[in-house]
Amino acid sequence: MGFLESTVWKLFNSPPRDAFPPRSPKLLETPLRSSTAKFSLPNGDSSSSSSSSSSSLSSASTFWQSPSPLQRWSPNRYIPSKYRSALSKSQIAVLVCFFLALLVWTLPPPAAWRHQVLHISVPQVATNPYQILRPSSPTVKKHAPDPMRWLENSSNNRHSISSGSRLLGDVYHLGHPSPRPRAALISLVRNSELPGLMQSMRQLEFHWNHKYQYPWVFFNDEPFSEEFRLATQNLTSAKCYYEVVAKEHWSLPDWIDEGRFMNSLEYLGAIGVGKGWMISYRHMCRWNSGFFYKHPRLKEFDWYWRVEPDVHFFCDIDYDVFRFMRDNNMKYGFNMNILDDARSFPSLWSRTRSFINAHPELIHPDADLDWLLDPHNSGDYNNCQFFSNFEIGDLNYFRGEANEKYFDWLDRGGGFFYERFGDAPIHTLSVAMFVPKSEIWFFRDIGYQHDINRHCPPNSAHRCNCEPTSIDENFYKLVPFESPQKKPSDTCIRQFLGGDWTHTKAGWSQEGERAFGGDGYHGYARNGLEAS
């Protein structure tokens, strides 16, 4: 018999100790009789007084009596009679202890209480509290999900998990019928970038992942050091994986002319293209474009959130972003749409057009490429891109036939090595060709910064620690002043959203603003800071 069973057996089989032992009749009678004498009636009513006294004594004696053994507490009182004979007291005790332990396990631990942040602020009047901005008149199916309604019903950390719910895994969670998404936070990072990654992890864990505990998957072109493993695992209670990139995904393909590649490095470095002289940067762009979703570790996941070292997350996020993406049939999520340096990929659009001509059947019937084409520049690619340093996406989309064929087409052309193709414009063109706009989501509510590019949602002081930025804040920050590329007539995000976001103030003209030294992008009727 184990310690727990023996202890419980002694508890139920030891002689009963009465909390209220019977008292002597003399002790009962004396105070009661003396007290009732004070209120005795005249002699004529002595009989009624005597009967009243006897009744009082009888009730008092009943009150002081010890409860019978049958009235004492027993677990048997809560067990159906047909099971009582089949269960011993030790078995009952074990069951009771099991259910108590399960209850304690399910409750959030005290450590989790410290993560709860109380914000006290004056309520703000806003018709769009979730900062939703969707493209104008996107193609929406008749019974398509409603993201606004989803946010209204599923915010306030409704789907957050405690230590106890991890015990149940993917079992239905506290009345929510849909299982937890198979998702991970992923980061391509080197051992030397540990301090920057720790900063990124601390902020994302504090603002979001401590409540949802999605696993982290770290990738490197060489094994991670023990210092890296210990430091990162110490920052999260979620599981961490440490993976090495396959050698064939981080080396020169056999169809690349090495001499021509070296000349490209020298040329792009000389003209000032960002990181154009770095060999490792070419491998990184290629891996992020078409290999990350093929890694064996990610086969067990359907969704990813890319996290870079040295980035900042400014806002508390009170909903499960992966569940949001899945439940609303989204394929790709971003929070910056900005201009890239066209000198990095001069042949990208011509190769993309040749792909479209070769595989028209792969283009989605509801695809919208118009916002990426500049009608004032012969209909060429306007160099707008979703800033892929922040992206949340569907891994199964990237594994699909259309995206795979597109990446192979570009890869065989050598653009990652003879030029400096980036993963951001490639992901942007891929999503624009193969996904309808209604399945692309602008995470305007998530404050984020990478290097000089910063995004902070308006009307969010109650949950964000950053200064709100206009919708056009980062439009051409990645384009050097010396670059001769022609900028589009509207900013990238406004072209993506369309509708009244491209409307300008009465009497304003782009040429007139530039004549007075402006950049020509300050005449819009809406600046994105209003409480919309």
Protein backbone atom coordinates (compact mmCIF):
# COMPACT_ATOMS: atom_id res chain seq x y z
CA MET A 1 0.00 0.00 0.00
CA GLY A 2 1.44 3.35 -1.04
CA PHE A 3 1.94 6.32 1.29
CA LEU A 4 -1.09 8.19 -0.09
CA GLU A 5 -3.39 5.15 0.20
CA SER A 6 -2.20 4.26 3.70
CA THR A 7 -2.74 7.83 4.90
CA VAL A 8 -6.25 7.98 3.48
CA TRP A 9 -7.01 4.48 4.94
CA LYS A 10 -6.04 5.68 8.42
CA LEU A 11 -8.20 8.78 7.93
CA PHE A 12 -11.34 6.77 7.22
CA ASN A 13 -10.77 3.87 9.64
CA SER A 14 -9.54 5.64 12.80
CA PRO A 15 -12.04 5.90 15.73
CA PRO A 16 -14.31 8.92 15.26
CA ARG A 17 -13.60 11.97 17.36
CA ASP A 18 -16.70 13.99 18.12
CA ALA A 19 -16.23 17.73 17.66
CA PHE A 20 -19.06 18.27 20.17
CA PRO A 21 -18.91 15.59 22.95
CA PRO A 22 -22.11 15.09 25.03
CA ARG A 23 -22.26 17.28 28.10
CA SER A 24 -23.47 16.37 31.58
CA PRO A 25 -27.23 16.84 32.18
CA LYS A 26 -26.34 18.74 35.33
CA LEU A 27 -24.32 21.21 33.32
CA LEU A 28 -27.18 21.54 30.90
CA GLU A 29 -29.91 21.93 33.49
CA THR A 30 -28.36 24.45 35.84
CA PRO A 31 -27.90 27.43 33.54
CA LEU A 32 -31.10 26.77 31.68
CA ARG A 33 -33.26 26.53 34.84
CA SER A 34 -31.74 29.56 36.47
CA SER A 35 -32.16 31.59 33.35
CA THR A 36 -35.79 30.57 32.79
CA ALA A 37 -36.64 31.37 36.43
CA LYS A 38 -36.09 35.04 35.72
CA PHE A 39 -38.94 34.96 33.28
CA SER A 40 -41.29 32.61 35.22
CA LEU A 41 -45.02 33.38 35.07
CA PRO A 42 -47.33 33.87 38.09
CA ASN A 43 -48.34 30.80 40.18
CA GLY A 44 -51.55 30.38 38.27
CA ASP A 45 -49.64 29.47 35.16
CA SER A 46 -47.12 27.18 36.81
CA SER A 47 -48.17 24.20 34.74
CA SER A 48 -47.66 25.98 31.46
CA SER A 49 -44.36 27.30 32.72
CA SER A 50 -43.25 23.83 33.68
CA SER A 51 -44.14 22.41 30.29
CA SER A 52 -42.36 25.29 28.56
CA SER A 53 -39.24 24.66 30.63
CA SER A 54 -39.31 20.98 29.79
CA SER A 55 -39.67 21.78 26.12
CA SER A 56 -36.72 24.17 26.26
CA LEU A 57 -34.59 21.59 28.02
CA SER A 58 -35.52 18.99 25.46
CA SER A 59 -34.56 21.23 22.53
CA ALA A 60 -31.34 22.28 24.23
CA SER A 61 -30.38 18.68 24.86
CA THR A 62 -31.04 17.91 21.20
CA PHE A 63 -28.84 20.83 20.11
CA TRP A 64 -25.88 19.69 22.21
CA GLN A 65 -26.05 16.09 21.16
CA SER A 66 -23.26 14.75 18.96
CA PRO A 67 -24.21 14.06 15.34
CA SER A 68 -24.72 10.40 14.65
CA PRO A 69 -22.06 8.52 12.64
CA LEU A 70 -24.43 8.45 9.67
CA GLN A 71 -24.57 12.26 9.64
CA ARG A 72 -20.80 12.72 9.52
CA TRP A 73 -19.23 13.72 6.16
CA SER A 74 -18.31 10.84 3.92
CA PRO A 75 -17.42 10.59 0.24
CA ASN A 76 -20.06 7.87 -0.04
CA ARG A 77 -22.76 10.54 0.23
CA TYR A 78 -21.70 11.84 -3.23
CA ILE A 79 -21.32 8.44 -4.95
CA PRO A 80 -24.33 6.66 -6.47
CA SER A 81 -25.38 3.70 -4.37
CA LYS A 82 -24.80 1.19 -7.16
CA TYR A 83 -21.07 2.05 -7.19
CA ARG A 84 -20.52 2.14 -3.41
CA SER A 85 -20.19 -1.59 -3.03
CA ALA A 86 -17.73 -1.80 -5.92
CA LEU A 87 -15.32 0.87 -4.60
CA SER A 88 -13.23 0.63 -1.47
CA LYS A 89 -12.49 3.68 0.64
CA SER A 90 -8.90 3.76 -0.61
CA GLN A 91 -10.08 3.73 -4.23
CA ILE A 92 -12.53 6.54 -3.52
CA ALA A 93 -9.78 8.55 -1.86
CA VAL A 94 -7.45 8.06 -4.81
CA LEU A 95 -10.17 9.24 -7.22
CA VAL A 96 -10.87 12.32 -5.11
CA CYS A 97 -7.15 13.17 -4.98
CA PHE A 98 -6.84 12.68 -8.73
CA PHE A 99 -9.65 15.12 -9.51
CA LEU A 100 -8.27 17.66 -7.05
CA ALA A 101 -4.83 17.38 -8.67
CA LEU A 102 -6.38 17.81 -12.12
CA LEU A 103 -8.16 20.96 -10.93
CA VAL A 104 -4.95 22.42 -9.51
CA TRP A 105 -3.06 21.51 -12.71
CA THR A 106 -5.63 23.28 -14.88
CA LEU A 107 -5.56 26.53 -12.91
CA PRO A 108 -2.99 29.10 -14.12
CA PRO A 109 0.22 29.00 -12.06
CA PRO A 110 1.10 32.03 -9.91
CA ALA A 111 4.00 32.75 -12.27
CA ALA A 112 1.51 33.49 -15.03
CA TRP A 113 -0.21 36.11 -12.90
CA ARG A 114 2.86 38.28 -13.08
CA HIS A 115 2.55 38.47 -16.87
CA GLN A 116 -0.88 40.07 -16.71
CA VAL A 117 -0.60 43.78 -17.40
CA LEU A 118 -3.31 46.09 -16.18
CA HIS A 119 -3.84 49.12 -18.37
CA ILE A 120 -5.86 52.02 -17.05
CA SER A 121 -6.86 54.50 -19.70
CA VAL A 122 -9.71 56.69 -20.81
CA PRO A 123 -11.88 54.86 -23.36
CA GLN A 124 -11.43 56.17 -26.87
CA VAL A 125 -14.28 56.57 -29.28
CA ALA A 126 -13.43 54.61 -32.41
CA THR A 127 -15.60 52.81 -34.90
CA ASN A 128 -12.71 50.48 -35.79
CA PRO A 129 -11.11 49.39 -32.50
CA TYR A 130 -9.21 46.53 -34.15
CA GLN A 131 -7.48 48.84 -36.65
CA ILE A 132 -8.81 46.84 -39.59
CA LEU A 133 -7.89 48.16 -43.04
CA ARG A 134 -8.91 45.95 -45.93
CA PRO A 135 -8.42 46.42 -49.67
CA SER A 136 -11.22 48.24 -51.42
CA SER A 137 -13.88 45.83 -52.73
CA PRO A 138 -11.86 42.63 -52.40
CA THR A 139 -13.28 39.51 -53.98
CA VAL A 140 -15.19 37.83 -51.15
CA LYS A 141 -17.10 34.57 -51.41
CA LYS A 142 -20.73 34.47 -50.39
CA HIS A 143 -20.12 32.61 -47.12
CA ALA A 144 -16.65 33.97 -46.41
CA PRO A 145 -15.60 34.44 -42.75
CA ASP A 146 -15.96 37.85 -41.13
CA PRO A 147 -12.62 38.88 -39.54
CA MET A 148 -14.20 41.77 -37.63
CA ARG A 149 -16.76 39.51 -36.01
CA TRP A 150 -14.03 36.96 -35.26
CA LEU A 151 -11.99 39.61 -33.44
CA GLU A 152 -15.03 40.77 -31.48
CA ASN A 153 -15.71 37.21 -30.33
CA SER A 154 -12.17 35.93 -29.85
CA SER A 155 -10.16 38.84 -28.45
CA ASN A 156 -9.43 39.42 -24.75
CA ASN A 157 -7.12 36.39 -24.82
CA ARG A 158 -10.04 34.02 -25.14
CA HIS A 159 -7.81 31.32 -26.63
CA SER A 160 -4.80 31.80 -24.35
CA ILE A 161 -3.57 28.69 -22.59
CA SER A 162 -2.42 27.87 -19.06
CA SER A 163 -0.01 25.20 -17.94
CA GLY A 164 -2.92 22.86 -17.33
CA SER A 165 -4.34 23.06 -20.84
CA ARG A 166 -0.99 21.88 -22.20
CA LEU A 167 -1.81 18.56 -20.56
CA LEU A 168 -4.72 18.17 -22.95
CA GLY A 169 -2.73 19.04 -26.08
CA ASP A 170 -5.03 19.52 -29.03
CA VAL A 171 -8.17 18.41 -27.21
CA TYR A 172 -11.03 20.91 -27.45
CA HIS A 173 -10.11 23.85 -25.27
CA LEU A 174 -12.65 24.96 -22.67
CA GLY A 175 -15.64 24.91 -24.98
CA HIS A 176 -13.87 26.18 -28.10
CA PRO A 177 -14.69 23.62 -30.81
CA SER A 178 -11.63 24.18 -33.02
CA PRO A 179 -8.27 22.63 -32.08
CA ARG A 180 -5.13 24.65 -31.59
CA PRO A 181 -3.33 25.52 -34.88
CA ARG A 182 -0.09 23.73 -35.66
CA ALA A 183 2.10 26.81 -35.71
CA ALA A 184 5.58 28.03 -34.76
CA LEU A 185 7.69 31.17 -34.42
CA ILE A 186 10.69 30.78 -36.72
CA SER A 187 13.98 32.63 -36.92
CA LEU A 188 17.04 32.32 -39.14
CA VAL A 189 19.81 33.47 -36.83
CA ARG A 190 23.50 32.97 -36.05
CA ASN A 191 25.20 32.37 -32.72
CA SER A 192 26.75 35.84 -32.91
CA GLU A 193 23.28 37.41 -33.14
CA LEU A 194 22.19 36.06 -29.75
CA PRO A 195 21.87 39.47 -27.98
CA GLY A 196 19.64 40.84 -30.77
CA LEU A 197 17.50 37.72 -30.84
CA MET A 198 17.09 37.81 -27.06
CA GLN A 199 15.70 41.33 -27.36
CA SER A 200 13.19 40.22 -30.00
CA MET A 201 12.15 37.19 -27.96
CA ARG A 202 11.71 39.13 -24.73
CA GLN A 203 9.35 41.62 -26.34
CA LEU A 204 7.27 39.12 -28.29
CA GLU A 205 7.02 36.80 -25.30
CA PHE A 206 5.98 39.67 -23.02
CA HIS A 207 3.40 41.12 -25.39
CA TRP A 208 1.98 37.86 -26.75
CA ASN A 209 3.57 34.42 -26.65
CA HIS A 210 3.66 33.93 -22.87
CA LYS A 211 -0.13 33.65 -23.18
CA TYR A 212 -0.14 31.24 -26.14
CA GLN A 213 3.19 29.41 -25.83
CA TYR A 214 3.76 28.51 -29.46
CA PRO A 215 7.11 26.79 -30.02
CA TRP A 216 10.21 28.51 -31.35
CA VAL A 217 12.21 27.02 -34.23
CA PHE A 218 15.70 28.44 -34.78
CA PHE A 219 17.67 27.86 -37.99
CA ASN A 220 21.38 28.32 -38.59
CA ASP A 221 23.89 27.32 -41.28
CA GLU A 222 26.03 25.84 -38.49
CA PRO A 223 25.20 24.11 -35.17
CA PHE A 224 23.98 26.33 -32.35
CA SER A 225 26.24 26.83 -29.36
CA GLU A 226 25.26 25.66 -25.89
CA GLU A 227 25.19 29.29 -24.77
CA PHE A 228 22.64 30.09 -27.48
CA ARG A 229 20.44 27.14 -26.54
CA LEU A 230 20.43 27.89 -22.81
CA ALA A 231 19.87 31.63 -23.24
CA THR A 232 16.93 31.30 -25.62
CA GLN A 233 15.21 28.47 -23.77
CA ASN A 234 15.44 30.52 -20.59
CA LEU A 235 13.36 33.29 -22.19
CA THR A 236 10.28 31.18 -22.89
CA SER A 237 8.21 28.42 -21.36
CA ALA A 238 7.41 27.16 -24.86
CA LYS A 239 9.37 24.41 -26.55
CA CYS A 240 12.45 25.36 -28.59
CA TYR A 241 13.97 23.56 -31.57
CA TYR A 242 17.47 24.17 -32.95
CA GLU A 243 17.97 23.18 -36.57
CA VAL A 244 20.79 23.32 -39.11
CA VAL A 245 20.06 24.39 -42.70
CA ALA A 246 20.78 21.72 -45.29
CA LYS A 247 24.12 22.24 -47.02
CA GLU A 248 22.57 22.13 -50.49
CA HIS A 249 20.30 25.02 -49.48
CA TRP A 250 23.24 27.20 -48.37
CA SER A 251 25.74 26.75 -51.19
CA LEU A 252 26.23 27.68 -54.84
CA PRO A 253 24.09 25.55 -57.19
CA ASP A 254 25.99 23.74 -59.94
CA TRP A 255 24.34 25.84 -62.68
CA ILE A 256 25.82 29.12 -61.35
CA ASP A 257 28.94 30.59 -62.97
CA GLU A 258 31.16 31.42 -60.00
CA GLY A 259 33.16 34.08 -61.88
CA ARG A 260 30.05 35.92 -62.92
CA PHE A 261 28.79 35.69 -59.34
CA MET A 262 31.96 37.31 -57.97
CA ASN A 263 31.69 40.13 -60.51
CA SER A 264 28.12 40.72 -59.36
CA LEU A 265 29.23 41.00 -55.74
CA GLU A 266 31.83 43.59 -56.66
CA TYR A 267 29.50 45.62 -58.86
CA LEU A 268 26.51 45.77 -56.49
CA GLY A 269 28.80 46.66 -53.62
CA ALA A 270 30.35 49.47 -55.67
CA ILE A 271 27.03 51.10 -56.57
CA GLY A 272 25.78 50.95 -52.97
CA VAL A 273 23.10 48.26 -53.09
CA GLY A 274 22.41 47.21 -49.49
CA LYS A 275 24.47 44.13 -48.55
CA GLY A 276 25.07 43.55 -52.24
CA TRP A 277 28.67 42.41 -51.59
CA MET A 278 27.79 39.75 -48.98
CA ILE A 279 27.80 36.10 -50.06
CA SER A 280 25.91 34.96 -46.96
CA TYR A 281 23.17 37.49 -47.66
CA ARG A 282 22.53 35.90 -51.07
CA HIS A 283 22.16 32.49 -49.42
CA MET A 284 19.84 33.94 -46.80
CA CYS A 285 17.55 35.56 -49.41
CA ARG A 286 17.43 32.34 -51.41
CA TRP A 287 16.65 30.20 -48.34
CA ASN A 288 13.92 32.56 -47.13
CA SER A 289 12.42 32.67 -50.62
CA GLY A 290 12.08 29.00 -51.38
CA PHE A 291 13.63 26.61 -48.86
CA PHE A 292 12.53 27.48 -45.33
CA TYR A 293 9.16 25.74 -45.67
CA LYS A 294 10.85 22.55 -46.93
CA HIS A 295 12.86 21.97 -43.77
CA PRO A 296 11.92 18.62 -42.12
CA ARG A 297 11.25 20.27 -38.76
CA LEU A 298 8.46 22.42 -40.22
CA LYS A 299 6.60 19.42 -41.64
CA GLU A 300 4.68 19.19 -38.38
CA PHE A 301 3.48 22.80 -38.68
CA ASP A 302 0.96 24.60 -40.89
CA TRP A 303 1.62 28.23 -39.89
CA TYR A 304 4.66 30.36 -39.14
CA TRP A 305 5.53 33.80 -37.80
CA ARG A 306 8.94 35.03 -38.90
CA VAL A 307 10.94 36.82 -36.20
CA GLU A 308 14.23 38.58 -36.89
CA PRO A 309 17.00 39.51 -34.42
CA ASP A 310 17.09 43.13 -33.21
CA VAL A 311 13.44 43.94 -33.87
CA HIS A 312 10.90 45.56 -31.56
CA PHE A 313 7.30 44.65 -30.75
CA PHE A 314 5.44 47.55 -29.14
CA CYS A 315 1.87 46.37 -28.54
CA ASP A 316 -0.02 43.89 -26.38
CA ILE A 317 -1.78 41.40 -28.66
CA ASP A 318 -4.89 39.90 -27.08
CA TYR A 319 -5.85 37.24 -29.63
CA ASP A 320 -4.32 34.15 -31.20
CA VAL A 321 -2.93 35.38 -34.54
CA PHE A 322 -2.50 31.85 -35.90
CA ARG A 323 -6.07 30.91 -35.05
CA PHE A 324 -7.18 34.20 -36.65
CA MET A 325 -5.33 33.35 -39.88
CA ARG A 326 -6.69 29.83 -40.02
CA ASP A 327 -10.30 30.56 -39.08
CA ASN A 328 -10.55 33.42 -41.60
CA ASN A 329 -8.87 31.54 -44.47
CA MET A 330 -5.94 33.95 -44.67
CA LYS A 331 -2.78 32.90 -46.50
CA TYR A 332 -0.41 35.77 -45.79
CA GLY A 333 -0.12 38.56 -43.23
CA PHE A 334 2.09 41.68 -43.21
CA ASN A 335 2.30 45.03 -41.41
CA MET A 336 4.49 47.12 -43.75
CA ASN A 337 4.12 47.57 -47.50
CA ILE A 338 7.03 49.66 -48.77
CA LEU A 339 9.30 50.38 -51.72
CA ASP A 340 12.45 48.35 -52.37
CA ASP A 341 15.67 49.33 -54.14
CA ALA A 342 15.07 48.34 -57.77
CA ARG A 343 18.81 48.02 -58.43
CA SER A 344 18.76 44.77 -56.43
CA PHE A 345 16.60 42.88 -58.94
CA PRO A 346 16.54 44.52 -62.41
CA SER A 347 15.38 41.34 -64.18
CA LEU A 348 12.82 40.13 -61.61
CA TRP A 349 9.75 41.50 -63.36
CA SER A 350 10.77 40.35 -66.84
CA ARG A 351 11.34 36.82 -65.50
CA THR A 352 8.00 36.97 -63.68
CA ARG A 353 6.20 37.97 -66.89
CA SER A 354 7.82 35.10 -68.76
CA PHE A 355 6.62 32.75 -66.01
CA ILE A 356 3.05 34.07 -66.31
CA ASN A 357 3.15 33.52 -70.07
CA ALA A 358 4.48 29.98 -69.59
CA HIS A 359 2.03 29.00 -66.82
CA PRO A 360 -1.17 31.05 -67.14
CA GLU A 361 -3.17 28.20 -65.62
CA LEU A 362 -1.44 28.74 -62.26
CA ILE A 363 -2.59 32.35 -61.85
CA HIS A 364 -5.51 32.64 -59.43
CA PRO A 365 -8.70 33.81 -61.18
CA ASP A 366 -9.17 36.50 -58.50
CA ALA A 367 -5.53 37.61 -58.49
CA ASP A 368 -4.90 41.36 -58.46
CA LEU A 369 -1.58 42.51 -59.90
CA ASP A 370 -2.75 45.99 -60.83
CA TRP A 371 -1.57 47.56 -57.56
CA LEU A 372 1.97 46.31 -58.32
CA LEU A 373 2.13 47.78 -61.82
CA ASP A 374 2.92 51.42 -62.61
CA PRO A 375 0.76 52.77 -65.45
CA HIS A 376 3.08 55.79 -65.72
CA ASN A 377 6.12 53.56 -66.29
CA SER A 378 5.06 51.27 -69.16
CA GLY A 379 3.13 49.02 -66.79
CA ASP A 380 6.33 47.68 -65.20
CA TYR A 381 6.65 46.44 -61.63
CA ASN A 382 6.54 49.42 -59.26
CA ASN A 383 8.95 47.72 -56.78
CA CYS A 384 6.44 47.65 -53.90
CA GLN A 385 6.86 44.78 -51.46
CA PHE A 386 5.46 43.33 -48.28
CA PHE A 387 8.29 43.85 -45.78
CA SER A 388 9.00 40.18 -45.09
CA ASN A 389 11.01 40.74 -41.92
CA PHE A 390 7.55 40.60 -40.37
CA GLU A 391 5.32 38.01 -41.98
CA ILE A 392 2.77 35.46 -40.80
CA GLY A 393 1.89 32.85 -43.34
CA ASP A 394 0.39 29.55 -44.38
CA LEU A 395 3.16 26.99 -44.91
CA ASN A 396 0.88 24.86 -47.07
CA TYR A 397 0.47 27.78 -49.45
CA PHE A 398 4.23 28.03 -49.96
CA ARG A 399 4.43 24.26 -50.39
CA GLY A 400 1.83 24.43 -53.15
CA GLU A 401 2.50 23.78 -56.82
CA ALA A 402 2.17 27.39 -58.02
CA ASN A 403 4.63 28.92 -55.56
CA GLU A 404 7.11 26.06 -55.96
CA LYS A 405 7.17 26.38 -59.75
CA TYR A 406 7.59 30.15 -59.52
CA PHE A 407 10.54 29.87 -57.15
CA ASP A 408 12.22 27.19 -59.29
CA TRP A 409 11.76 29.39 -62.36
CA LEU A 410 13.54 32.31 -60.69
CA ASP A 411 16.19 30.14 -59.07
CA ARG A 412 17.19 28.53 -62.36
CA GLY A 413 17.63 31.99 -63.85
CA GLY A 414 20.40 32.76 -61.33
CA GLY A 415 18.87 35.99 -60.01
CA PHE A 416 19.85 35.24 -56.41
CA PHE A 417 23.54 35.29 -57.37
CA TYR A 418 23.94 37.36 -60.56
CA GLU A 419 21.68 40.01 -59.07
CA ARG A 420 20.43 40.28 -55.48
CA PHE A 421 16.91 38.93 -55.57
CA GLY A 422 15.27 39.40 -52.16
CA ASP A 423 12.68 37.22 -50.49
CA ALA A 424 10.39 40.23 -49.87
CA PRO A 425 9.60 41.10 -53.53
CA ILE A 426 9.45 37.39 -54.43
CA HIS A 427 6.93 36.62 -51.69
CA THR A 428 4.96 39.73 -52.70
CA LEU A 429 4.73 38.76 -56.38
CA SER A 430 3.95 35.15 -55.48
CA VAL A 431 1.09 36.10 -53.15
CA ALA A 432 -0.27 38.64 -55.66
CA MET A 433 -0.37 36.03 -58.44
CA PHE A 434 -1.70 33.03 -56.52
CA VAL A 435 -3.84 34.47 -53.69
CA PRO A 436 -6.88 36.79 -53.86
CA LYS A 437 -6.59 40.05 -51.94
CA SER A 438 -9.30 38.93 -49.54
CA GLU A 439 -6.86 36.30 -48.18
CA ILE A 440 -4.05 38.79 -47.47
CA TRP A 441 -4.20 40.52 -44.09
CA PHE A 442 -2.76 43.86 -42.99
CA PHE A 443 -1.77 43.50 -39.30
CA ARG A 444 -2.09 47.19 -38.66
CA ASP A 445 -2.72 46.61 -34.95
CA ILE A 446 0.76 45.13 -34.26
CA GLY A 447 3.43 47.74 -33.58
CA TYR A 448 6.79 46.72 -35.01
CA GLN A 449 10.22 48.09 -35.88
CA HIS A 450 13.08 46.70 -37.93
CA ASP A 451 16.08 49.01 -38.23
CA ILE A 452 14.84 52.36 -39.63
CA ASN A 453 11.38 51.08 -40.54
CA ARG A 454 8.81 51.48 -37.78
CA HIS A 455 5.07 50.91 -37.66
CA CYS A 456 2.84 51.95 -34.76
CA PRO A 457 -0.99 51.82 -34.92
CA PRO A 458 -3.02 54.94 -34.08
CA ASN A 459 -5.46 55.24 -31.17
CA SER A 460 -3.70 52.46 -29.28
CA ALA A 461 -2.00 54.21 -26.37
CA HIS A 462 -3.82 51.88 -23.96
CA ARG A 463 -1.87 48.88 -25.26
CA CYS A 464 1.14 50.18 -27.24
CA ASN A 465 4.29 51.96 -26.06
CA CYS A 466 5.13 53.79 -29.28
CA GLU A 467 4.26 56.99 -31.12
CA PRO A 468 1.64 56.39 -33.84
CA THR A 469 2.94 56.52 -37.41
CA SER A 470 1.12 57.60 -40.53
CA ILE A 471 0.18 54.97 -43.03
CA ASP A 472 2.90 56.21 -45.43
CA GLU A 473 5.67 56.41 -42.83
CA ASN A 474 8.13 53.91 -44.34
CA PHE A 475 7.27 54.24 -48.01
CA TYR A 476 10.73 54.81 -49.55
CA LYS A 477 13.13 54.48 -46.60
CA LEU A 478 14.86 51.51 -48.23
CA VAL A 479 15.61 53.42 -51.43
CA PRO A 480 18.92 55.32 -51.23
CA PHE A 481 18.89 58.97 -52.20
CA GLU A 482 21.30 58.26 -55.07
CA SER A 483 19.03 55.60 -56.61
CA PRO A 484 17.60 56.81 -59.96
CA GLN A 485 14.49 54.60 -59.79
CA LYS A 486 11.15 56.21 -60.48
CA LYS A 487 8.73 56.13 -57.58
CA PRO A 488 5.06 55.28 -58.21
CA SER A 489 2.41 58.00 -58.08
CA ASP A 490 0.88 56.60 -54.89
CA THR A 491 2.49 54.95 -51.88
CA CYS A 492 2.56 51.15 -51.82
CA ILE A 493 0.07 50.62 -49.01
CA ARG A 494 -2.42 53.05 -50.56
CA GLN A 495 -2.24 51.24 -53.89
CA PHE A 496 -2.86 47.95 -52.08
CA LEU A 497 -5.86 49.33 -50.15
CA GLY A 498 -7.28 51.39 -53.02
CA GLY A 499 -10.61 53.17 -52.68
CA ASP A 500 -10.63 56.47 -50.78
CA TRP A 501 -7.08 55.86 -49.54
CA THR A 502 -5.82 57.26 -52.84
CA HIS A 503 -8.07 60.36 -52.74
CA THR A 504 -6.25 63.67 -52.44
CA LYS A 505 -7.18 67.06 -51.01
CA ALA A 506 -8.95 69.54 -53.23
CA GLY A 507 -6.54 71.80 -55.09
CA TRP A 508 -3.46 69.72 -54.27
CA SER A 509 -1.08 68.39 -56.92
CA GLN A 510 1.99 66.22 -56.66
CA GLU A 511 3.97 68.48 -58.99
CA GLY A 512 3.05 71.55 -56.96
CA GLU A 513 4.25 70.00 -53.71
CA ARG A 514 7.53 68.93 -55.28
CA ALA A 515 8.01 72.44 -56.67
CA PHE A 516 8.13 73.68 -53.08
CA GLY A 517 10.56 70.97 -51.93
CA GLY A 518 8.15 68.29 -50.81
CA ASP A 519 8.29 64.64 -51.80
CA GLY A 520 4.84 64.68 -53.41
CA TYR A 521 3.11 62.32 -50.96
CA HIS A 522 1.53 64.67 -48.41
CA GLY A 523 -1.68 65.61 -50.19
CA TYR A 524 -3.85 62.65 -49.26
CA ALA A 525 -7.25 63.29 -47.72
CA ARG A 526 -6.62 60.60 -45.08
CA ASN A 527 -3.33 60.20 -43.24
CA GLY A 528 -4.21 57.00 -41.40
CA LEU A 529 -4.03 58.57 -37.93
CA GLU A 530 -7.71 59.37 -37.59
CA ALA A 531 -9.96 57.22 -35.38
CA SER A 532 -11.44 55.29 -38.25
